[in-house]
């Protein structure tokens, strides 16, 4: 559904808490919501949300109670910038990885080291999410598809490198140590790992 190549950011115009959900209105930049329709899926900070209304230059989304629980969207504030990616169109070039906008959990930024125009960032994940990562695999971070540089299995840390282009087009440039980001894992890896675990548990009961 998405590639992890964020197309730009949008500004939060309003946040309204309603029964069972929040409703947000986003103002576009660079025609991000051009030709959008009600019912369209849009990645907002890596979370797949459905367009429920739109007007010239804006799009409105509902955030369910469950989505708010899992993601950082519960903390959105007015004037905040969010990463936007429209759904991938079949036949278009895919310069990233396969993402679905199904956020697994959040991770905390534990290190943020600028080096020239780039940044090396380290994130701490929960153990259950970390189990699906591997070196030179990829992870979705606020909707950005990033290659994993290294892993610290004891501390459940993952290291990624952010190039100048990524920092310029996304909201990742505003991150600081202590901030939390939405994390999506590779669903193919999840399927393989879970299938192997289930199979081995049947063959070797009590050893897993």
C-alpha atoms as a PDB file:
ATOM      1  CA  UNK A   1       0.000   0.000   0.000  1.00  0.00           C
ATOM      2  CA  UNK A   2       2.915   2.372   0.789  1.00  0.00           C
ATOM      3  CA  UNK A   3       6.609   2.517  -0.055  1.00  0.00           C
ATOM      4  CA  UNK A   4       8.019   4.348   2.953  1.00  0.00           C
ATOM      5  CA  UNK A   5       9.101   7.233   0.702  1.00  0.00           C
ATOM      6  CA  UNK A   6       7.429  10.138   2.482  1.00  0.00           C
ATOM      7  CA  UNK A   7       6.235  12.771  -0.001  1.00  0.00           C
ATOM      8  CA  UNK A   8       6.222  15.714   2.388  1.00  0.00           C
ATOM      9  CA  UNK A   9       4.630  17.038   5.554  1.00  0.00           C
ATOM     10  CA  UNK A  10       1.241  18.496   6.426  1.00  0.00           C
ATOM     11  CA  UNK A  11       0.325  20.821   9.272  1.00  0.00           C
ATOM     12  CA  UNK A  12      -2.224  19.916  11.941  1.00  0.00           C
ATOM     13  CA  UNK A  13      -5.003  22.528  11.791  1.00  0.00           C
ATOM     14  CA  UNK A  14      -7.294  21.091  14.450  1.00  0.00           C
ATOM     15  CA  UNK A  15      -7.694  18.144  16.817  1.00  0.00           C
ATOM     16  CA  UNK A  16     -11.122  17.295  18.253  1.00  0.00           C
ATOM     17  CA  UNK A  17     -11.721  14.479  20.734  1.00  0.00           C
ATOM     18  CA  UNK A  18     -15.048  12.728  20.189  1.00  0.00           C
ATOM     19  CA  UNK A  19     -16.679   9.591  21.551  1.00  0.00           C
ATOM     20  CA  UNK A  20     -14.361   6.697  20.670  1.00  0.00           C
ATOM     21  CA  UNK A  21     -12.072   8.637  18.373  1.00  0.00           C
ATOM     22  CA  UNK A  22     -10.223  11.830  17.537  1.00  0.00           C
ATOM     23  CA  UNK A  23     -10.807  13.860  14.380  1.00  0.00           C
ATOM     24  CA  UNK A  24      -7.905  15.774  12.871  1.00  0.00           C
ATOM     25  CA  UNK A  25      -7.769  18.257  10.007  1.00  0.00           C
ATOM     26  CA  UNK A  26      -4.502  18.573   8.089  1.00  0.00           C
ATOM     27  CA  UNK A  27      -3.398  21.377   5.778  1.00  0.00           C
ATOM     28  CA  UNK A  28      -1.462  20.180   2.770  1.00  0.00           C
ATOM     29  CA  UNK A  29       1.833  21.281   1.334  1.00  0.00           C
ATOM     30  CA  UNK A  30       2.869  20.820  -2.292  1.00  0.00           C
ATOM     31  CA  UNK A  31      -0.502  19.389  -3.368  1.00  0.00           C
ATOM     32  CA  UNK A  32      -0.229  16.321  -1.137  1.00  0.00           C
ATOM     33  CA  UNK A  33      -4.021  15.948  -1.035  1.00  0.00           C
ATOM     34  CA  UNK A  34      -4.646  16.783  -4.683  1.00  0.00           C
ATOM     35  CA  UNK A  35      -7.327  14.507  -6.176  1.00  0.00           C
ATOM     36  CA  UNK A  36      -7.982  12.856  -2.812  1.00  0.00           C
ATOM     37  CA  UNK A  37     -11.384  11.213  -2.324  1.00  0.00           C
ATOM     38  CA  UNK A  38     -13.415  10.276   0.721  1.00  0.00           C
ATOM     39  CA  UNK A  39     -12.405   6.748   1.693  1.00  0.00           C
ATOM     40  CA  UNK A  40      -8.855   7.110   0.401  1.00  0.00           C
ATOM     41  CA  UNK A  41      -6.048   5.728   2.549  1.00  0.00           C
ATOM     42  CA  UNK A  42      -3.208   8.067   3.517  1.00  0.00           C
ATOM     43  CA  UNK A  43      -0.171   7.363   5.665  1.00  0.00           C
ATOM     44  CA  UNK A  44       0.046   9.950   8.467  1.00  0.00           C
ATOM     45  CA  UNK A  45       3.254   9.568  10.487  1.00  0.00           C
ATOM     46  CA  UNK A  46       3.315   6.007   9.204  1.00  0.00           C
ATOM     47  CA  UNK A  47      -0.250   5.203  10.264  1.00  0.00           C
ATOM     48  CA  UNK A  48      -2.821   4.288   7.633  1.00  0.00           C
ATOM     49  CA  UNK A  49      -5.801   6.627   8.053  1.00  0.00           C
ATOM     50  CA  UNK A  50      -8.959   7.051   5.991  1.00  0.00           C
ATOM     51  CA  UNK A  51     -10.038  10.375   4.528  1.00  0.00           C
ATOM     52  CA  UNK A  52     -13.475  11.242   5.937  1.00  0.00           C
ATOM     53  CA  UNK A  53     -13.749  14.757   4.485  1.00  0.00           C
ATOM     54  CA  UNK A  54     -11.757  17.160   2.343  1.00  0.00           C
ATOM     55  CA  UNK A  55     -11.806  20.688   0.994  1.00  0.00           C
ATOM     56  CA  UNK A  56      -9.416  22.941  -0.879  1.00  0.00           C
ATOM     57  CA  UNK A  57      -6.036  22.322   0.691  1.00  0.00           C
ATOM     58  CA  UNK A  58      -7.194  20.199   3.644  1.00  0.00           C
ATOM     59  CA  UNK A  59      -8.078  16.613   4.498  1.00  0.00           C
ATOM     60  CA  UNK A  60      -9.859  15.255   7.576  1.00  0.00           C
ATOM     61  CA  UNK A  61      -9.140  11.930   9.273  1.00  0.00           C
ATOM     62  CA  UNK A  62     -10.554   9.971  12.221  1.00  0.00           C
ATOM     63  CA  UNK A  63      -8.166   8.269  14.657  1.00  0.00           C
ATOM     64  CA  UNK A  64      -9.806   5.350  16.424  1.00  0.00           C
ATOM     65  CA  UNK A  65      -9.311   4.757  20.135  1.00  0.00           C
ATOM     66  CA  UNK A  66      -7.230   1.653  19.409  1.00  0.00           C
ATOM     67  CA  UNK A  67      -5.007   3.440  16.876  1.00  0.00           C
ATOM     68  CA  UNK A  68      -4.411   6.233  19.369  1.00  0.00           C
ATOM     69  CA  UNK A  69      -3.397   3.687  22.016  1.00  0.00           C
ATOM     70  CA  UNK A  70      -0.742   2.089  19.800  1.00  0.00           C
ATOM     71  CA  UNK A  71       0.696   5.150  18.038  1.00  0.00           C
ATOM     72  CA  UNK A  72       2.005   8.631  18.761  1.00  0.00           C
ATOM     73  CA  UNK A  73      -1.061  10.164  17.082  1.00  0.00           C
ATOM     74  CA  UNK A  74      -2.714  10.524  20.493  1.00  0.00           C
ATOM     75  CA  UNK A  75      -0.206  13.305  21.221  1.00  0.00           C
ATOM     76  CA  UNK A  76      -0.810  15.372  18.062  1.00  0.00           C
ATOM     77  CA  UNK A  77      -1.052  19.099  18.639  1.00  0.00           C
ATOM     78  CA  UNK A  78      -2.073  22.067  16.508  1.00  0.00           C
ATOM     79  CA  UNK A  79       0.631  23.308  14.090  1.00  0.00           C
ATOM     80  CA  UNK A  80       2.597  20.061  14.405  1.00  0.00           C
ATOM     81  CA  UNK A  81       4.049  18.711  11.156  1.00  0.00           C
ATOM     82  CA  UNK A  82       3.195  15.122  10.183  1.00  0.00           C
ATOM     83  CA  UNK A  83       4.696  12.917   7.487  1.00  0.00           C
ATOM     84  CA  UNK A  84       2.412  12.174   4.532  1.00  0.00           C
ATOM     85  CA  UNK A  85       2.485   9.445   1.904  1.00  0.00           C
ATOM     86  CA  UNK A  86      -0.359   8.725  -0.485  1.00  0.00           C
ATOM     87  CA  UNK A  87      -1.137   5.119  -1.376  1.00  0.00           C
ATOM     88  CA  UNK A  88       1.220   3.607  -3.932  1.00  0.00           C
ATOM     89  CA  UNK A  89      -0.180   3.333  -7.441  1.00  0.00           C
ATOM     90  CA  UNK A  90       0.357   0.090  -9.330  1.00  0.00           C
ATOM     91  CA  UNK A  91       2.896   0.624 -12.099  1.00  0.00           C
ATOM     92  CA  UNK A  92       4.664   3.533 -10.403  1.00  0.00           C
ATOM     93  CA  UNK A  93       8.282   3.225  -9.358  1.00  0.00           C
ATOM     94  CA  UNK A  94       8.744   1.849  -5.839  1.00  0.00           C
ATOM     95  CA  UNK A  95      11.970   3.286  -4.434  1.00  0.00           C
ATOM     96  CA  UNK A  96      11.371   2.047  -0.891  1.00  0.00           C
ATOM     97  CA  UNK A  97       9.953  -1.040   0.795  1.00  0.00           C
ATOM     98  CA  UNK A  98       6.511  -2.575   1.252  1.00  0.00           C
ATOM     99  CA  UNK A  99       4.698  -0.856   4.125  1.00  0.00           C
ATOM    100  CA  UNK A 100       1.032  -1.098   5.097  1.00  0.00           C
ATOM    101  CA  UNK A 101       0.625   1.684   7.619  1.00  0.00           C
ATOM    102  CA  UNK A 102       0.007  -0.909  10.346  1.00  0.00           C
ATOM    103  CA  UNK A 103       2.043   0.506  13.204  1.00  0.00           C
ATOM    104  CA  UNK A 104       3.421  -2.189  15.498  1.00  0.00           C
ATOM    105  CA  UNK A 105       4.386  -0.017  18.451  1.00  0.00           C
ATOM    106  CA  UNK A 106       6.406   3.076  19.266  1.00  0.00           C
ATOM    107  CA  UNK A 107      10.133   3.411  19.920  1.00  0.00           C
ATOM    108  CA  UNK A 108      12.086   5.976  21.901  1.00  0.00           C
ATOM    109  CA  UNK A 109      14.970   7.969  20.456  1.00  0.00           C
ATOM    110  CA  UNK A 110      17.951   7.232  22.736  1.00  0.00           C
ATOM    111  CA  UNK A 111      20.736   8.756  20.633  1.00  0.00           C
ATOM    112  CA  UNK A 112      20.777  11.455  17.937  1.00  0.00           C
ATOM    113  CA  UNK A 113      24.203  12.122  16.424  1.00  0.00           C
ATOM    114  CA  UNK A 114      24.498  14.660  13.564  1.00  0.00           C
ATOM    115  CA  UNK A 115      27.399  14.107  11.182  1.00  0.00           C
ATOM    116  CA  UNK A 116      27.608  16.803   8.532  1.00  0.00           C
ATOM    117  CA  UNK A 117      24.213  16.865   6.808  1.00  0.00           C
ATOM    118  CA  UNK A 118      23.284  13.371   8.033  1.00  0.00           C
ATOM    119  CA  UNK A 119      22.199  11.903  11.357  1.00  0.00           C
ATOM    120  CA  UNK A 120      22.845   8.546  12.999  1.00  0.00           C
ATOM    121  CA  UNK A 121      19.920   7.714  15.272  1.00  0.00           C
ATOM    122  CA  UNK A 122      19.450   4.928  17.793  1.00  0.00           C
ATOM    123  CA  UNK A 123      16.002   3.804  18.888  1.00  0.00           C
ATOM    124  CA  UNK A 124      14.947   1.572  21.746  1.00  0.00           C
ATOM    125  CA  UNK A 125      12.127  -0.825  20.884  1.00  0.00           C
ATOM    126  CA  UNK A 126      10.099  -3.172  23.027  1.00  0.00           C
ATOM    127  CA  UNK A 127      11.291  -6.784  23.009  1.00  0.00           C
ATOM    128  CA  UNK A 128       8.338  -8.143  21.033  1.00  0.00           C
ATOM    129  CA  UNK A 129       8.903  -5.708  18.152  1.00  0.00           C
ATOM    130  CA  UNK A 130      12.692  -6.034  18.204  1.00  0.00           C
ATOM    131  CA  UNK A 131      12.365  -9.785  17.572  1.00  0.00           C
ATOM    132  CA  UNK A 132      11.334  -9.104  13.969  1.00  0.00           C
ATOM    133  CA  UNK A 133      14.320  -6.934  13.024  1.00  0.00           C
ATOM    134  CA  UNK A 134      17.586  -7.980  11.399  1.00  0.00           C
ATOM    135  CA  UNK A 135      20.696  -6.195  10.186  1.00  0.00           C
ATOM    136  CA  UNK A 136      20.308  -4.664   6.715  1.00  0.00           C
ATOM    137  CA  UNK A 137      16.586  -5.292   6.883  1.00  0.00           C
ATOM    138  CA  UNK A 138      14.253  -2.330   7.099  1.00  0.00           C
ATOM    139  CA  UNK A 139      11.986  -0.630   9.579  1.00  0.00           C
ATOM    140  CA  UNK A 140       9.248   1.968   9.108  1.00  0.00           C
ATOM    141  CA  UNK A 141       9.876   5.017  11.326  1.00  0.00           C
ATOM    142  CA  UNK A 142       7.082   7.610  11.288  1.00  0.00           C
ATOM    143  CA  UNK A 143       6.325   6.287   7.805  1.00  0.00           C
ATOM    144  CA  UNK A 144       9.910   6.519   6.516  1.00  0.00           C
ATOM    145  CA  UNK A 145      11.397   3.277   5.234  1.00  0.00           C
ATOM    146  CA  UNK A 146      14.909   3.031   6.717  1.00  0.00           C
ATOM    147  CA  UNK A 147      17.609   0.400   6.380  1.00  0.00           C
ATOM    148  CA  UNK A 148      18.818  -1.069   9.672  1.00  0.00           C
ATOM    149  CA  UNK A 149      22.512  -0.395  10.175  1.00  0.00           C
ATOM    150  CA  UNK A 150      23.052  -2.329  13.406  1.00  0.00           C
ATOM    151  CA  UNK A 151      21.242  -3.962  16.325  1.00  0.00           C
ATOM    152  CA  UNK A 152      21.973  -4.154  20.045  1.00  0.00           C
ATOM    153  CA  UNK A 153      20.170  -7.292  21.215  1.00  0.00           C
ATOM    154  CA  UNK A 154      20.740  -6.699  24.930  1.00  0.00           C
ATOM    155  CA  UNK A 155      19.256  -3.205  24.986  1.00  0.00           C
ATOM    156  CA  UNK A 156      16.847  -3.719  22.074  1.00  0.00           C
ATOM    157  CA  UNK A 157      18.378  -0.793  20.222  1.00  0.00           C
ATOM    158  CA  UNK A 158      18.338  -0.319  16.454  1.00  0.00           C
ATOM    159  CA  UNK A 159      20.619   2.092  14.594  1.00  0.00           C
ATOM    160  CA  UNK A 160      19.544   3.868  11.393  1.00  0.00           C
ATOM    161  CA  UNK A 161      21.151   6.562   9.263  1.00  0.00           C
ATOM    162  CA  UNK A 162      19.190   9.551   7.970  1.00  0.00           C
ATOM    163  CA  UNK A 163      20.400  11.280   4.838  1.00  0.00           C
ATOM    164  CA  UNK A 164      19.934  14.986   4.110  1.00  0.00           C
ATOM    165  CA  UNK A 165      17.065  14.351   1.659  1.00  0.00           C
ATOM    166  CA  UNK A 166      15.088  12.402   4.254  1.00  0.00           C
ATOM    167  CA  UNK A 167      15.650  15.102   6.871  1.00  0.00           C
ATOM    168  CA  UNK A 168      14.596  17.840   4.437  1.00  0.00           C
ATOM    169  CA  UNK A 169      11.334  16.201   3.297  1.00  0.00           C
ATOM    170  CA  UNK A 170      10.090  14.755   6.597  1.00  0.00           C
ATOM    171  CA  UNK A 171       9.505  15.722  10.208  1.00  0.00           C
ATOM    172  CA  UNK A 172      12.354  13.506  11.427  1.00  0.00           C
ATOM    173  CA  UNK A 173      14.652  16.534  11.519  1.00  0.00           C
ATOM    174  CA  UNK A 174      12.704  17.810  14.545  1.00  0.00           C
ATOM    175  CA  UNK A 175      13.260  14.668  16.617  1.00  0.00           C
ATOM    176  CA  UNK A 176      15.237  14.835  19.841  1.00  0.00           C
ATOM    177  CA  UNK A 177      16.430  12.306  22.411  1.00  0.00           C
ATOM    178  CA  UNK A 178      13.444  11.123  24.426  1.00  0.00           C
ATOM    179  CA  UNK A 179      10.897  11.544  21.616  1.00  0.00           C
ATOM    180  CA  UNK A 180       8.849   8.576  20.475  1.00  0.00           C
ATOM    181  CA  UNK A 181       8.195   7.489  16.887  1.00  0.00           C
ATOM    182  CA  UNK A 182       5.779   5.069  15.230  1.00  0.00           C
ATOM    183  CA  UNK A 183       7.358   1.784  14.187  1.00  0.00           C
ATOM    184  CA  UNK A 184       6.243  -0.634  11.480  1.00  0.00           C
ATOM    185  CA  UNK A 185       7.992  -3.944  10.885  1.00  0.00           C
ATOM    186  CA  UNK A 186       8.327  -5.969   7.700  1.00  0.00           C
ATOM    187  CA  UNK A 187       5.211  -8.134   7.511  1.00  0.00           C
ATOM    188  CA  UNK A 188       7.002 -10.804   5.460  1.00  0.00           C
ATOM    189  CA  UNK A 189       9.563 -11.177   8.228  1.00  0.00           C
ATOM    190  CA  UNK A 190       6.758 -11.381  10.790  1.00  0.00           C
ATOM    191  CA  UNK A 191       5.079 -14.175   8.828  1.00  0.00           C
ATOM    192  CA  UNK A 192       8.318 -16.168   8.536  1.00  0.00           C
ATOM    193  CA  UNK A 193       9.310 -15.739  12.182  1.00  0.00           C
ATOM    194  CA  UNK A 194       5.853 -16.550  13.536  1.00  0.00           C
ATOM    195  CA  UNK A 195       5.468 -19.570  11.240  1.00  0.00           C
ATOM    196  CA  UNK A 196       8.860 -20.948  12.305  1.00  0.00           C
ATOM    197  CA  UNK A 197       8.066 -20.383  15.979  1.00  0.00           C
ATOM    198  CA  UNK A 198       4.718 -22.153  15.685  1.00  0.00           C
ATOM    199  CA  UNK A 199       6.211 -25.072  13.741  1.00  0.00           C
ATOM    200  CA  UNK A 200       9.150 -25.512  16.125  1.00  0.00           C
ATOM    201  CA  UNK A 201       6.859 -25.275  19.138  1.00  0.00           C
ATOM    202  CA  UNK A 202       4.874 -28.223  17.769  1.00  0.00           C
ATOM    203  CA  UNK A 203       7.984 -30.243  16.981  1.00  0.00           C
ATOM    204  CA  UNK A 204       9.898 -29.321  20.134  1.00  0.00           C
ATOM    205  CA  UNK A 205       7.263 -28.649  22.813  1.00  0.00           C
ATOM    206  CA  UNK A 206       8.637 -27.065  25.956  1.00  0.00           C
ATOM    207  CA  UNK A 207      11.869 -25.869  24.319  1.00  0.00           C
ATOM    208  CA  UNK A 208      10.643 -22.478  23.017  1.00  0.00           C
END
